[in-house]
Amino acid sequence: MDISDIRNDFKLKALDVKTIKENPIQQFERWLEEAMKSQCLDYNAMTLATSTPDGQPSIRVVLLKQIRNECLYFFTNYRSRKAKELSINPKAAVLFYWPELDRQVRIMGHIIKADRDISDIYFKERPLGSQISAIISPQSSEIESREVLEKMWSEEKERLNGQNVERPDFWGGYQLKPLRFEFWQGRPNRLHDRIVFKKQHIDGWDIVRLAP
């Protein structure tokens, strides 16, 4: 299999500082809405990059679930690998990629745990099966087999017997406070558009264009 000759000449759209929103959150919401309307697969999926104490990068895909107060929210197990890494180094980055629109968004910033009420409300909105999985899964830990996991799930469902499920303390949300955005729009001949927002003070962003 030869992948060196794979080519895709991007011709769909352009990105100009004259038409981009002055606030990157608003620009991101515009692109997110366009990704949704274009029926991009898993348009709210983002690749989350964290790092170990010795600097080893670690990435995985999580789902963006909320945008509020200029922060991005996702939810996970607080005992997972990413949670342990974030507890030591709260600096992280996320990447959204929408190939149907020839677009990427890279976001860097600081991550902290979400308020308990935000986590409680979101957990209650999840399907019962997902709630049970969150309770029984020792996320990122080694397990004996798939059968053991499924047995734990079935036993927990039987134990609950239709009762409302309370959010466990070890599961909840994180909020990413962005400090840098990069909006990437694919263009012909690999002369892509790259517009960067850099946080300078509480209400202000510097906007610059990068070479592709």
N, C-alpha and C. Protein backbone atom coordinates (compact mmCIF):
# COMPACT_ATOMS: atom_id res chain seq x y z
N MET A 1 0.85 -1.20 0.00
CA MET A 1 0.00 0.00 0.00
C MET A 1 0.87 1.24 0.00
N ASP A 2 0.74 2.07 -1.03
CA ASP A 2 1.54 3.28 -1.16
C ASP A 2 0.66 4.48 -0.81
N ILE A 3 0.96 5.13 0.30
CA ILE A 3 0.15 6.28 0.71
C ILE A 3 0.82 7.61 0.35
N SER A 4 2.01 7.57 -0.21
CA SER A 4 2.75 8.81 -0.48
C SER A 4 2.11 9.64 -1.59
N ASP A 5 1.33 8.99 -2.47
CA ASP A 5 0.72 9.71 -3.58
C ASP A 5 -0.71 10.15 -3.32
N ILE A 6 -1.20 9.95 -2.10
CA ILE A 6 -2.57 10.38 -1.78
C ILE A 6 -2.63 11.91 -1.78
N ARG A 7 -3.57 12.45 -2.52
CA ARG A 7 -3.70 13.89 -2.64
C ARG A 7 -5.16 14.31 -2.52
N ASN A 8 -5.38 15.48 -1.95
CA ASN A 8 -6.70 16.08 -1.89
C ASN A 8 -6.52 17.58 -2.02
N ASP A 9 -6.91 18.13 -3.14
CA ASP A 9 -6.75 19.56 -3.35
C ASP A 9 -7.97 20.28 -2.79
N PHE A 10 -7.74 21.10 -1.77
CA PHE A 10 -8.83 21.73 -1.03
C PHE A 10 -9.34 22.97 -1.77
N LYS A 11 -10.63 22.97 -2.09
CA LYS A 11 -11.18 24.07 -2.89
C LYS A 11 -12.53 24.58 -2.37
N LEU A 12 -12.92 24.13 -1.19
CA LEU A 12 -14.29 24.43 -0.75
C LEU A 12 -14.50 25.87 -0.31
N LYS A 13 -13.64 26.37 0.59
CA LYS A 13 -13.89 27.67 1.19
C LYS A 13 -12.58 28.42 1.42
N ALA A 14 -12.71 29.65 1.91
CA ALA A 14 -11.55 30.46 2.29
C ALA A 14 -11.79 31.05 3.67
N LEU A 15 -10.72 31.58 4.25
CA LEU A 15 -10.81 32.19 5.58
C LEU A 15 -10.04 33.49 5.56
N ASP A 16 -10.70 34.58 5.90
CA ASP A 16 -10.10 35.91 5.81
C ASP A 16 -10.30 36.65 7.13
N VAL A 17 -9.27 37.35 7.58
CA VAL A 17 -9.37 38.11 8.83
C VAL A 17 -10.41 39.22 8.72
N LYS A 18 -10.78 39.61 7.50
CA LYS A 18 -11.76 40.68 7.33
C LYS A 18 -13.18 40.20 7.63
N THR A 19 -13.41 38.91 7.52
CA THR A 19 -14.75 38.38 7.73
C THR A 19 -14.87 37.48 8.96
N ILE A 20 -13.75 37.16 9.59
CA ILE A 20 -13.78 36.28 10.75
C ILE A 20 -14.32 37.05 11.96
N LYS A 21 -14.97 36.33 12.87
CA LYS A 21 -15.47 36.95 14.10
C LYS A 21 -14.30 37.45 14.95
N GLU A 22 -14.51 38.55 15.67
CA GLU A 22 -13.45 39.09 16.51
C GLU A 22 -13.24 38.27 17.77
N ASN A 23 -14.26 37.52 18.17
CA ASN A 23 -14.15 36.65 19.33
C ASN A 23 -14.02 35.21 18.83
N PRO A 24 -12.97 34.48 19.21
CA PRO A 24 -12.76 33.13 18.68
C PRO A 24 -13.82 32.12 19.09
N ILE A 25 -14.42 32.32 20.27
CA ILE A 25 -15.50 31.42 20.68
C ILE A 25 -16.67 31.54 19.71
N GLN A 26 -17.00 32.78 19.32
CA GLN A 26 -18.08 32.99 18.37
C GLN A 26 -17.73 32.41 17.00
N GLN A 27 -16.49 32.55 16.59
CA GLN A 27 -16.06 31.96 15.33
C GLN A 27 -16.12 30.44 15.39
N PHE A 28 -15.69 29.89 16.52
CA PHE A 28 -15.75 28.44 16.69
C PHE A 28 -17.19 27.95 16.66
N GLU A 29 -18.09 28.65 17.34
CA GLU A 29 -19.51 28.25 17.34
C GLU A 29 -20.09 28.33 15.93
N ARG A 30 -19.67 29.31 15.15
CA ARG A 30 -20.12 29.40 13.77
C ARG A 30 -19.68 28.18 12.97
N TRP A 31 -18.41 27.81 13.11
CA TRP A 31 -17.89 26.64 12.38
C TRP A 31 -18.53 25.35 12.90
N LEU A 32 -18.75 25.26 14.19
CA LEU A 32 -19.38 24.06 14.75
C LEU A 32 -20.79 23.89 14.20
N GLU A 33 -21.52 25.00 14.11
CA GLU A 33 -22.87 24.94 13.56
C GLU A 33 -22.84 24.54 12.08
N GLU A 34 -21.87 25.07 11.33
CA GLU A 34 -21.76 24.70 9.93
C GLU A 34 -21.39 23.23 9.77
N ALA A 35 -20.56 22.71 10.68
CA ALA A 35 -20.22 21.29 10.65
C ALA A 35 -21.45 20.43 10.93
N MET A 36 -22.28 20.88 11.85
CA MET A 36 -23.52 20.15 12.15
C MET A 36 -24.46 20.16 10.94
N LYS A 37 -24.65 21.33 10.33
CA LYS A 37 -25.55 21.45 9.19
C LYS A 37 -25.03 20.68 7.98
N SER A 38 -23.71 20.53 7.89
CA SER A 38 -23.11 19.79 6.78
C SER A 38 -23.09 18.29 7.05
N GLN A 39 -23.65 17.89 8.20
CA GLN A 39 -23.74 16.48 8.60
C GLN A 39 -22.36 15.83 8.69
N CYS A 40 -21.41 16.58 9.21
CA CYS A 40 -20.09 16.01 9.47
C CYS A 40 -20.22 14.91 10.52
N LEU A 41 -19.55 13.81 10.30
CA LEU A 41 -19.63 12.69 11.22
C LEU A 41 -19.01 13.06 12.56
N ASP A 42 -19.78 12.86 13.65
CA ASP A 42 -19.28 13.17 15.00
C ASP A 42 -18.65 14.56 15.04
N TYR A 43 -19.40 15.55 14.61
CA TYR A 43 -18.86 16.90 14.49
C TYR A 43 -18.40 17.49 15.82
N ASN A 44 -18.90 16.95 16.95
CA ASN A 44 -18.47 17.46 18.26
C ASN A 44 -17.34 16.63 18.87
N ALA A 45 -16.77 15.73 18.08
CA ALA A 45 -15.64 14.94 18.58
C ALA A 45 -14.36 15.76 18.52
N MET A 46 -13.58 15.69 19.58
CA MET A 46 -12.31 16.43 19.61
C MET A 46 -11.21 15.53 20.17
N THR A 47 -10.06 15.65 19.56
CA THR A 47 -8.89 14.92 20.04
C THR A 47 -8.26 15.72 21.17
N LEU A 48 -8.17 15.12 22.33
CA LEU A 48 -7.64 15.78 23.53
C LEU A 48 -6.21 15.31 23.78
N ALA A 49 -5.28 16.25 23.87
CA ALA A 49 -3.88 15.94 24.13
C ALA A 49 -3.50 16.40 25.53
N THR A 50 -2.97 15.46 26.32
CA THR A 50 -2.42 15.76 27.64
C THR A 50 -0.98 15.24 27.64
N SER A 51 -0.31 15.33 28.78
CA SER A 51 1.05 14.81 28.84
C SER A 51 1.35 14.26 30.22
N THR A 52 2.26 13.30 30.26
CA THR A 52 2.70 12.71 31.52
C THR A 52 3.67 13.66 32.22
N PRO A 53 3.99 13.41 33.49
CA PRO A 53 4.93 14.29 34.19
C PRO A 53 6.29 14.42 33.51
N ASP A 54 6.72 13.37 32.79
CA ASP A 54 8.02 13.44 32.12
C ASP A 54 7.91 13.94 30.69
N GLY A 55 6.71 14.44 30.31
CA GLY A 55 6.56 15.08 29.01
C GLY A 55 6.09 14.19 27.89
N GLN A 56 5.72 12.94 28.17
CA GLN A 56 5.24 12.05 27.12
C GLN A 56 3.80 12.42 26.73
N PRO A 57 3.57 12.81 25.47
CA PRO A 57 2.21 13.17 25.05
C PRO A 57 1.27 11.97 25.07
N SER A 58 0.00 12.27 25.28
CA SER A 58 -1.03 11.24 25.30
C SER A 58 -2.29 11.83 24.68
N ILE A 59 -2.88 11.14 23.70
CA ILE A 59 -4.05 11.68 23.03
C ILE A 59 -5.18 10.66 22.98
N ARG A 60 -6.39 11.17 22.86
CA ARG A 60 -7.58 10.35 22.71
C ARG A 60 -8.73 11.25 22.25
N VAL A 61 -9.79 10.64 21.75
CA VAL A 61 -10.95 11.40 21.28
C VAL A 61 -12.01 11.44 22.38
N VAL A 62 -12.49 12.63 22.69
CA VAL A 62 -13.59 12.82 23.62
C VAL A 62 -14.65 13.67 22.91
N LEU A 63 -15.79 13.84 23.55
CA LEU A 63 -16.88 14.60 22.93
C LEU A 63 -17.10 15.92 23.65
N LEU A 64 -17.13 16.99 22.87
CA LEU A 64 -17.52 18.29 23.39
C LEU A 64 -19.01 18.25 23.70
N LYS A 65 -19.39 18.59 24.93
CA LYS A 65 -20.78 18.51 25.33
C LYS A 65 -21.42 19.86 25.65
N GLN A 66 -20.62 20.84 26.02
CA GLN A 66 -21.19 22.15 26.34
C GLN A 66 -20.18 23.24 26.02
N ILE A 67 -20.70 24.42 25.70
CA ILE A 67 -19.90 25.64 25.62
C ILE A 67 -20.61 26.67 26.47
N ARG A 68 -19.96 27.13 27.51
CA ARG A 68 -20.57 28.14 28.39
C ARG A 68 -19.48 29.00 28.97
N ASN A 69 -19.78 30.30 29.10
CA ASN A 69 -18.83 31.26 29.67
C ASN A 69 -17.46 31.15 29.01
N GLU A 70 -17.48 30.97 27.68
CA GLU A 70 -16.26 30.89 26.87
C GLU A 70 -15.35 29.74 27.29
N CYS A 71 -15.94 28.68 27.80
CA CYS A 71 -15.21 27.46 28.13
C CYS A 71 -15.84 26.27 27.41
N LEU A 72 -15.01 25.28 27.10
CA LEU A 72 -15.46 24.05 26.46
C LEU A 72 -15.52 22.95 27.51
N TYR A 73 -16.60 22.16 27.50
CA TYR A 73 -16.80 21.14 28.54
C TYR A 73 -16.85 19.73 27.93
N PHE A 74 -16.17 18.81 28.60
CA PHE A 74 -16.31 17.39 28.30
C PHE A 74 -16.39 16.64 29.63
N PHE A 75 -16.79 15.36 29.57
CA PHE A 75 -17.05 14.60 30.80
C PHE A 75 -16.33 13.25 30.72
N THR A 76 -15.87 12.78 31.89
CA THR A 76 -15.09 11.54 31.91
C THR A 76 -14.95 11.03 33.33
N ASN A 77 -14.21 9.94 33.46
CA ASN A 77 -13.90 9.35 34.76
C ASN A 77 -12.69 10.09 35.36
N TYR A 78 -12.84 10.56 36.59
CA TYR A 78 -11.75 11.30 37.24
C TYR A 78 -10.58 10.39 37.66
N ARG A 79 -10.74 9.07 37.48
CA ARG A 79 -9.65 8.15 37.78
C ARG A 79 -8.95 7.66 36.51
N SER A 80 -9.35 8.18 35.37
CA SER A 80 -8.79 7.75 34.10
C SER A 80 -7.37 8.30 33.92
N ARG A 81 -6.72 7.81 32.89
CA ARG A 81 -5.36 8.28 32.63
C ARG A 81 -5.32 9.78 32.35
N LYS A 82 -6.25 10.26 31.51
CA LYS A 82 -6.24 11.68 31.20
C LYS A 82 -6.48 12.53 32.43
N ALA A 83 -7.34 12.04 33.34
CA ALA A 83 -7.62 12.79 34.56
C ALA A 83 -6.38 12.86 35.45
N LYS A 84 -5.67 11.76 35.55
CA LYS A 84 -4.45 11.75 36.36
C LYS A 84 -3.41 12.70 35.78
N GLU A 85 -3.30 12.71 34.45
CA GLU A 85 -2.33 13.61 33.82
C GLU A 85 -2.74 15.07 33.99
N LEU A 86 -4.03 15.35 33.89
CA LEU A 86 -4.50 16.72 34.06
C LEU A 86 -4.36 17.21 35.49
N SER A 87 -4.41 16.30 36.46
CA SER A 87 -4.25 16.71 37.86
C SER A 87 -2.83 17.19 38.13
N ILE A 88 -1.88 16.72 37.34
CA ILE A 88 -0.48 17.11 37.49
C ILE A 88 -0.13 18.28 36.58
N ASN A 89 -0.61 18.20 35.35
CA ASN A 89 -0.34 19.25 34.37
C ASN A 89 -1.65 19.65 33.71
N PRO A 90 -2.27 20.74 34.15
CA PRO A 90 -3.59 21.13 33.63
C PRO A 90 -3.54 21.80 32.26
N LYS A 91 -2.37 21.90 31.66
CA LYS A 91 -2.28 22.46 30.31
C LYS A 91 -2.61 21.37 29.30
N ALA A 92 -3.47 21.70 28.33
CA ALA A 92 -3.87 20.69 27.36
C ALA A 92 -4.25 21.37 26.05
N ALA A 93 -4.49 20.53 25.03
CA ALA A 93 -4.90 21.02 23.72
C ALA A 93 -5.94 20.08 23.16
N VAL A 94 -6.81 20.64 22.32
CA VAL A 94 -7.80 19.83 21.63
C VAL A 94 -7.77 20.17 20.14
N LEU A 95 -8.21 19.22 19.33
CA LEU A 95 -8.26 19.40 17.89
C LEU A 95 -9.61 18.92 17.37
N PHE A 96 -10.29 19.77 16.61
CA PHE A 96 -11.49 19.39 15.86
C PHE A 96 -11.10 19.28 14.40
N TYR A 97 -11.54 18.21 13.74
CA TYR A 97 -11.25 18.02 12.32
C TYR A 97 -12.52 17.67 11.59
N TRP A 98 -12.87 18.48 10.61
CA TRP A 98 -14.07 18.28 9.81
C TRP A 98 -13.66 18.13 8.33
N PRO A 99 -13.32 16.91 7.90
CA PRO A 99 -12.85 16.72 6.53
C PRO A 99 -13.87 17.09 5.47
N GLU A 100 -15.16 16.99 5.81
CA GLU A 100 -16.19 17.35 4.84
C GLU A 100 -16.14 18.84 4.48
N LEU A 101 -15.55 19.66 5.36
CA LEU A 101 -15.44 21.10 5.13
C LEU A 101 -14.00 21.55 4.94
N ASP A 102 -13.06 20.61 4.93
CA ASP A 102 -11.63 20.94 4.82
C ASP A 102 -11.21 21.89 5.94
N ARG A 103 -11.61 21.57 7.17
CA ARG A 103 -11.35 22.48 8.29
C ARG A 103 -10.80 21.76 9.51
N GLN A 104 -9.96 22.49 10.23
CA GLN A 104 -9.49 22.08 11.55
C GLN A 104 -9.55 23.28 12.49
N VAL A 105 -9.73 22.98 13.77
CA VAL A 105 -9.59 24.00 14.81
C VAL A 105 -8.73 23.42 15.91
N ARG A 106 -7.65 24.12 16.23
CA ARG A 106 -6.77 23.72 17.33
C ARG A 106 -6.97 24.72 18.47
N ILE A 107 -7.13 24.19 19.68
CA ILE A 107 -7.38 25.05 20.85
C ILE A 107 -6.45 24.62 21.97
N MET A 108 -5.75 25.58 22.56
CA MET A 108 -4.88 25.33 23.70
C MET A 108 -5.36 26.13 24.89
N GLY A 109 -5.17 25.56 26.10
CA GLY A 109 -5.58 26.29 27.28
C GLY A 109 -5.38 25.51 28.56
N HIS A 110 -6.04 25.96 29.63
CA HIS A 110 -5.97 25.32 30.93
C HIS A 110 -7.28 24.58 31.21
N ILE A 111 -7.16 23.43 31.87
CA ILE A 111 -8.33 22.61 32.17
C ILE A 111 -8.47 22.43 33.68
N ILE A 112 -9.68 22.62 34.17
CA ILE A 112 -9.99 22.36 35.58
C ILE A 112 -11.31 21.58 35.64
N LYS A 113 -11.59 20.99 36.80
CA LYS A 113 -12.85 20.28 36.97
C LYS A 113 -14.03 21.24 36.90
N ALA A 114 -15.11 20.76 36.31
CA ALA A 114 -16.34 21.55 36.24
C ALA A 114 -17.01 21.59 37.60
N ASP A 115 -17.87 22.57 37.81
CA ASP A 115 -18.66 22.64 39.04
C ASP A 115 -19.51 21.38 39.19
N ARG A 116 -19.74 20.98 40.41
CA ARG A 116 -20.48 19.74 40.69
C ARG A 116 -21.88 19.78 40.09
N ASP A 117 -22.55 20.94 40.15
CA ASP A 117 -23.92 20.99 39.64
C ASP A 117 -23.97 20.78 38.14
N ILE A 118 -22.94 21.24 37.43
CA ILE A 118 -22.87 21.02 35.98
C ILE A 118 -22.72 19.53 35.69
N SER A 119 -21.86 18.87 36.45
CA SER A 119 -21.66 17.43 36.28
C SER A 119 -22.92 16.65 36.64
N ASP A 120 -23.59 17.07 37.72
CA ASP A 120 -24.82 16.38 38.15
C ASP A 120 -25.91 16.47 37.08
N ILE A 121 -26.10 17.67 36.54
CA ILE A 121 -27.14 17.87 35.54
C ILE A 121 -26.86 17.05 34.29
N TYR A 122 -25.61 17.09 33.84
CA TYR A 122 -25.30 16.34 32.62
C TYR A 122 -25.44 14.83 32.84
N PHE A 123 -24.99 14.35 34.00
CA PHE A 123 -25.08 12.90 34.26
C PHE A 123 -26.53 12.43 34.22
N LYS A 124 -27.44 13.23 34.75
CA LYS A 124 -28.85 12.85 34.76
C LYS A 124 -29.43 12.79 33.35
N GLU A 125 -28.83 13.54 32.42
CA GLU A 125 -29.33 13.56 31.04
C GLU A 125 -28.85 12.35 30.24
N ARG A 126 -27.88 11.62 30.76
CA ARG A 126 -27.32 10.50 30.00
C ARG A 126 -28.28 9.30 29.99
N PRO A 127 -28.24 8.49 28.95
CA PRO A 127 -29.04 7.25 28.95
C PRO A 127 -28.65 6.36 30.12
N LEU A 128 -29.59 5.55 30.57
CA LEU A 128 -29.34 4.66 31.71
C LEU A 128 -28.13 3.77 31.47
N GLY A 129 -28.03 3.22 30.29
CA GLY A 129 -26.90 2.34 30.00
C GLY A 129 -25.56 3.03 30.16
N SER A 130 -25.50 4.29 29.72
CA SER A 130 -24.26 5.05 29.86
C SER A 130 -23.98 5.38 31.33
N GLN A 131 -25.02 5.66 32.08
CA GLN A 131 -24.85 5.92 33.51
C GLN A 131 -24.26 4.70 34.21
N ILE A 132 -24.80 3.53 33.89
CA ILE A 132 -24.31 2.30 34.51
C ILE A 132 -22.86 2.05 34.12
N SER A 133 -22.53 2.27 32.86
CA SER A 133 -21.15 2.07 32.41
C SER A 133 -20.19 2.98 33.16
N ALA A 134 -20.61 4.23 33.38
CA ALA A 134 -19.77 5.17 34.12
C ALA A 134 -19.52 4.69 35.55
N ILE A 135 -20.52 4.05 36.15
CA ILE A 135 -20.40 3.58 37.53
C ILE A 135 -19.47 2.38 37.65
N ILE A 136 -19.62 1.43 36.75
CA ILE A 136 -18.91 0.15 36.93
C ILE A 136 -17.53 0.10 36.27
N SER A 137 -17.26 0.98 35.33
CA SER A 137 -16.00 0.88 34.59
C SER A 137 -14.83 1.49 35.34
N PRO A 138 -13.78 0.72 35.65
CA PRO A 138 -12.55 1.28 36.22
C PRO A 138 -11.68 1.82 35.09
N GLN A 139 -12.11 2.90 34.49
CA GLN A 139 -11.55 3.39 33.24
C GLN A 139 -10.02 3.50 33.27
N SER A 140 -9.41 3.00 32.20
CA SER A 140 -7.96 3.00 31.98
C SER A 140 -7.22 1.94 32.80
N SER A 141 -7.94 1.18 33.64
CA SER A 141 -7.31 0.11 34.42
C SER A 141 -7.39 -1.21 33.65
N GLU A 142 -6.45 -2.09 33.91
CA GLU A 142 -6.47 -3.41 33.29
C GLU A 142 -7.62 -4.24 33.86
N ILE A 143 -8.30 -4.97 32.98
CA ILE A 143 -9.38 -5.86 33.42
C ILE A 143 -9.13 -7.26 32.89
N GLU A 144 -9.74 -8.22 33.55
CA GLU A 144 -9.49 -9.62 33.21
C GLU A 144 -10.04 -9.99 31.84
N SER A 145 -11.25 -9.53 31.53
CA SER A 145 -11.87 -9.90 30.26
C SER A 145 -13.09 -9.03 30.00
N ARG A 146 -13.58 -9.09 28.77
CA ARG A 146 -14.82 -8.41 28.40
C ARG A 146 -15.99 -8.98 29.19
N GLU A 147 -15.97 -10.29 29.42
CA GLU A 147 -17.06 -10.95 30.13
C GLU A 147 -17.20 -10.43 31.55
N VAL A 148 -16.07 -10.17 32.20
CA VAL A 148 -16.11 -9.63 33.56
C VAL A 148 -16.78 -8.26 33.57
N LEU A 149 -16.44 -7.45 32.58
CA LEU A 149 -17.01 -6.10 32.49
C LEU A 149 -18.53 -6.17 32.27
N GLU A 150 -18.95 -7.03 31.36
CA GLU A 150 -20.37 -7.16 31.08
C GLU A 150 -21.14 -7.72 32.28
N LYS A 151 -20.50 -8.61 33.03
CA LYS A 151 -21.13 -9.16 34.23
C LYS A 151 -21.34 -8.05 35.27
N MET A 152 -20.33 -7.20 35.45
CA MET A 152 -20.45 -6.08 36.38
C MET A 152 -21.59 -5.15 35.96
N TRP A 153 -21.70 -4.92 34.65
CA TRP A 153 -22.74 -4.03 34.14
C TRP A 153 -24.13 -4.61 34.43
N SER A 154 -24.30 -5.89 34.15
CA SER A 154 -25.60 -6.55 34.36
C SER A 154 -25.97 -6.58 35.83
N GLU A 155 -25.01 -6.84 36.68
CA GLU A 155 -25.28 -6.89 38.12
C GLU A 155 -25.67 -5.52 38.65
N GLU A 156 -25.02 -4.48 38.14
CA GLU A 156 -25.36 -3.13 38.59
C GLU A 156 -26.75 -2.73 38.13
N LYS A 157 -27.11 -3.10 36.91
CA LYS A 157 -28.45 -2.80 36.41
C LYS A 157 -29.51 -3.50 37.25
N GLU A 158 -29.23 -4.75 37.61
CA GLU A 158 -30.17 -5.50 38.44
C GLU A 158 -30.27 -4.90 39.84
N ARG A 159 -29.14 -4.48 40.38
CA ARG A 159 -29.13 -3.89 41.71
C ARG A 159 -29.94 -2.59 41.75
N LEU A 160 -29.83 -1.78 40.70
CA LEU A 160 -30.55 -0.51 40.64
C LEU A 160 -32.05 -0.72 40.55
N ASN A 161 -32.46 -1.72 39.79
CA ASN A 161 -33.87 -2.11 39.71
C ASN A 161 -34.78 -0.92 39.42
N GLY A 162 -34.38 -0.11 38.44
CA GLY A 162 -35.22 1.01 38.02
C GLY A 162 -35.07 2.28 38.82
N GLN A 163 -34.21 2.28 39.84
CA GLN A 163 -34.02 3.48 40.66
C GLN A 163 -33.26 4.54 39.87
N ASN A 164 -33.42 5.79 40.28
CA ASN A 164 -32.62 6.86 39.70
C ASN A 164 -31.16 6.65 40.05
N VAL A 165 -30.30 6.94 39.10
CA VAL A 165 -28.86 6.72 39.29
C VAL A 165 -28.20 8.02 39.71
N GLU A 166 -27.47 7.98 40.80
CA GLU A 166 -26.73 9.15 41.27
C GLU A 166 -25.34 9.17 40.64
N ARG A 167 -24.88 10.36 40.30
CA ARG A 167 -23.54 10.49 39.73
C ARG A 167 -22.49 10.12 40.77
N PRO A 168 -21.58 9.20 40.43
CA PRO A 168 -20.51 8.88 41.37
C PRO A 168 -19.50 10.02 41.45
N ASP A 169 -18.86 10.18 42.60
CA ASP A 169 -17.91 11.28 42.79
C ASP A 169 -16.72 11.19 41.85
N PHE A 170 -16.42 9.98 41.36
CA PHE A 170 -15.24 9.80 40.51
C PHE A 170 -15.54 10.05 39.03
N TRP A 171 -16.70 10.59 38.73
CA TRP A 171 -17.06 10.86 37.34
C TRP A 171 -17.65 12.26 37.23
N GLY A 172 -17.23 13.01 36.21
CA GLY A 172 -17.76 14.36 36.07
C GLY A 172 -17.13 15.11 34.92
N GLY A 173 -17.30 16.42 34.95
CA GLY A 173 -16.89 17.25 33.83
C GLY A 173 -15.58 17.98 34.04
N TYR A 174 -15.03 18.41 32.91
CA TYR A 174 -13.87 19.30 32.88
C TYR A 174 -14.21 20.49 32.00
N GLN A 175 -13.61 21.63 32.32
CA GLN A 175 -13.77 22.79 31.47
C GLN A 175 -12.41 23.25 30.96
N LEU A 176 -12.36 23.49 29.67
CA LEU A 176 -11.14 24.02 29.04
C LEU A 176 -11.32 25.51 28.83
N LYS A 177 -10.45 26.29 29.44
CA LYS A 177 -10.44 27.75 29.25
C LYS A 177 -9.40 28.06 28.17
N PRO A 178 -9.85 28.43 26.98
CA PRO A 178 -8.90 28.61 25.87
C PRO A 178 -8.00 29.83 26.04
N LEU A 179 -6.75 29.66 25.61
CA LEU A 179 -5.78 30.74 25.56
C LEU A 179 -5.29 30.98 24.14
N ARG A 180 -5.56 30.02 23.26
CA ARG A 180 -5.12 30.14 21.87
C ARG A 180 -6.04 29.29 20.98
N PHE A 181 -6.46 29.89 19.88
CA PHE A 181 -7.23 29.19 18.84
C PHE A 181 -6.45 29.28 17.53
N GLU A 182 -6.50 28.21 16.76
CA GLU A 182 -6.04 28.28 15.38
C GLU A 182 -7.12 27.70 14.47
N PHE A 183 -7.60 28.53 13.56
CA PHE A 183 -8.60 28.09 12.57
C PHE A 183 -7.88 27.82 11.26
N TRP A 184 -8.04 26.59 10.78
CA TRP A 184 -7.34 26.13 9.56
C TRP A 184 -8.37 25.80 8.49
N GLN A 185 -8.22 26.44 7.34
CA GLN A 185 -9.08 26.16 6.19
C GLN A 185 -8.24 25.69 5.03
N GLY A 186 -8.51 24.47 4.55
CA GLY A 186 -7.76 23.95 3.43
C GLY A 186 -7.97 24.77 2.17
N ARG A 187 -6.87 25.02 1.43
CA ARG A 187 -6.93 25.81 0.20
C ARG A 187 -6.14 25.12 -0.91
N PRO A 188 -6.37 25.50 -2.16
CA PRO A 188 -5.66 24.86 -3.27
C PRO A 188 -4.14 25.02 -3.17
N ASN A 189 -3.43 24.06 -3.72
CA ASN A 189 -1.96 24.08 -3.81
C ASN A 189 -1.27 24.11 -2.45
N ARG A 190 -1.98 23.65 -1.42
CA ARG A 190 -1.46 23.61 -0.05
C ARG A 190 -1.16 25.01 0.52
N LEU A 191 -1.73 26.05 -0.07
CA LEU A 191 -1.61 27.40 0.49
C LEU A 191 -2.80 27.63 1.43
N HIS A 192 -2.81 26.88 2.50
CA HIS A 192 -3.95 26.89 3.42
C HIS A 192 -4.04 28.20 4.19
N ASP A 193 -5.26 28.52 4.63
CA ASP A 193 -5.49 29.66 5.51
C ASP A 193 -5.34 29.21 6.96
N ARG A 194 -4.54 29.95 7.73
CA ARG A 194 -4.36 29.67 9.16
C ARG A 194 -4.47 30.99 9.92
N ILE A 195 -5.54 31.14 10.68
CA ILE A 195 -5.77 32.34 11.47
C ILE A 195 -5.70 31.98 12.94
N VAL A 196 -4.86 32.70 13.69
CA VAL A 196 -4.63 32.41 15.10
C VAL A 196 -5.13 33.54 15.99
N PHE A 197 -5.82 33.16 17.06
CA PHE A 197 -6.21 34.09 18.13
C PHE A 197 -5.36 33.77 19.35
N LYS A 198 -4.70 34.78 19.90
CA LYS A 198 -3.89 34.60 21.11
C LYS A 198 -4.44 35.50 22.21
N LYS A 199 -4.72 34.89 23.35
CA LYS A 199 -5.28 35.64 24.47
C LYS A 199 -4.23 36.59 25.04
N GLN A 200 -4.58 37.88 25.16
CA GLN A 200 -3.63 38.87 25.65
C GLN A 200 -4.05 39.46 26.99
N HIS A 201 -5.35 39.60 27.21
CA HIS A 201 -5.87 40.09 28.49
C HIS A 201 -7.29 39.58 28.63
N ILE A 202 -7.99 40.02 29.65
CA ILE A 202 -9.29 39.45 30.00
C ILE A 202 -10.25 39.46 28.82
N ASP A 203 -10.36 40.58 28.12
CA ASP A 203 -11.36 40.70 27.07
C ASP A 203 -10.76 40.79 25.67
N GLY A 204 -9.47 40.61 25.56
CA GLY A 204 -8.85 40.87 24.26
C GLY A 204 -8.10 39.70 23.66
N TRP A 205 -8.12 39.66 22.32
CA TRP A 205 -7.40 38.65 21.55
C TRP A 205 -6.59 39.31 20.45
N ASP A 206 -5.35 38.87 20.27
CA ASP A 206 -4.59 39.27 19.09
C ASP A 206 -4.89 38.28 17.98
N ILE A 207 -5.05 38.79 16.77
CA ILE A 207 -5.37 37.95 15.62
C ILE A 207 -4.23 38.06 14.60
N VAL A 208 -3.66 36.93 14.22
CA VAL A 208 -2.56 36.91 13.26
C VAL A 208 -2.80 35.80 12.23
N ARG A 209 -2.18 35.94 11.08
CA ARG A 209 -2.21 34.90 10.06
C ARG A 209 -0.86 34.19 10.04
N LEU A 210 -0.90 32.85 9.93
CA LEU A 210 0.31 32.05 9.85
C LEU A 210 0.50 31.53 8.43
N ALA A 211 1.74 31.32 8.06
CA ALA A 211 2.03 30.67 6.79
C ALA A 211 1.60 29.21 6.85
N PRO A 212 1.15 28.64 5.74
CA PRO A 212 0.70 27.23 5.77
C PRO A 212 1.87 26.27 5.93
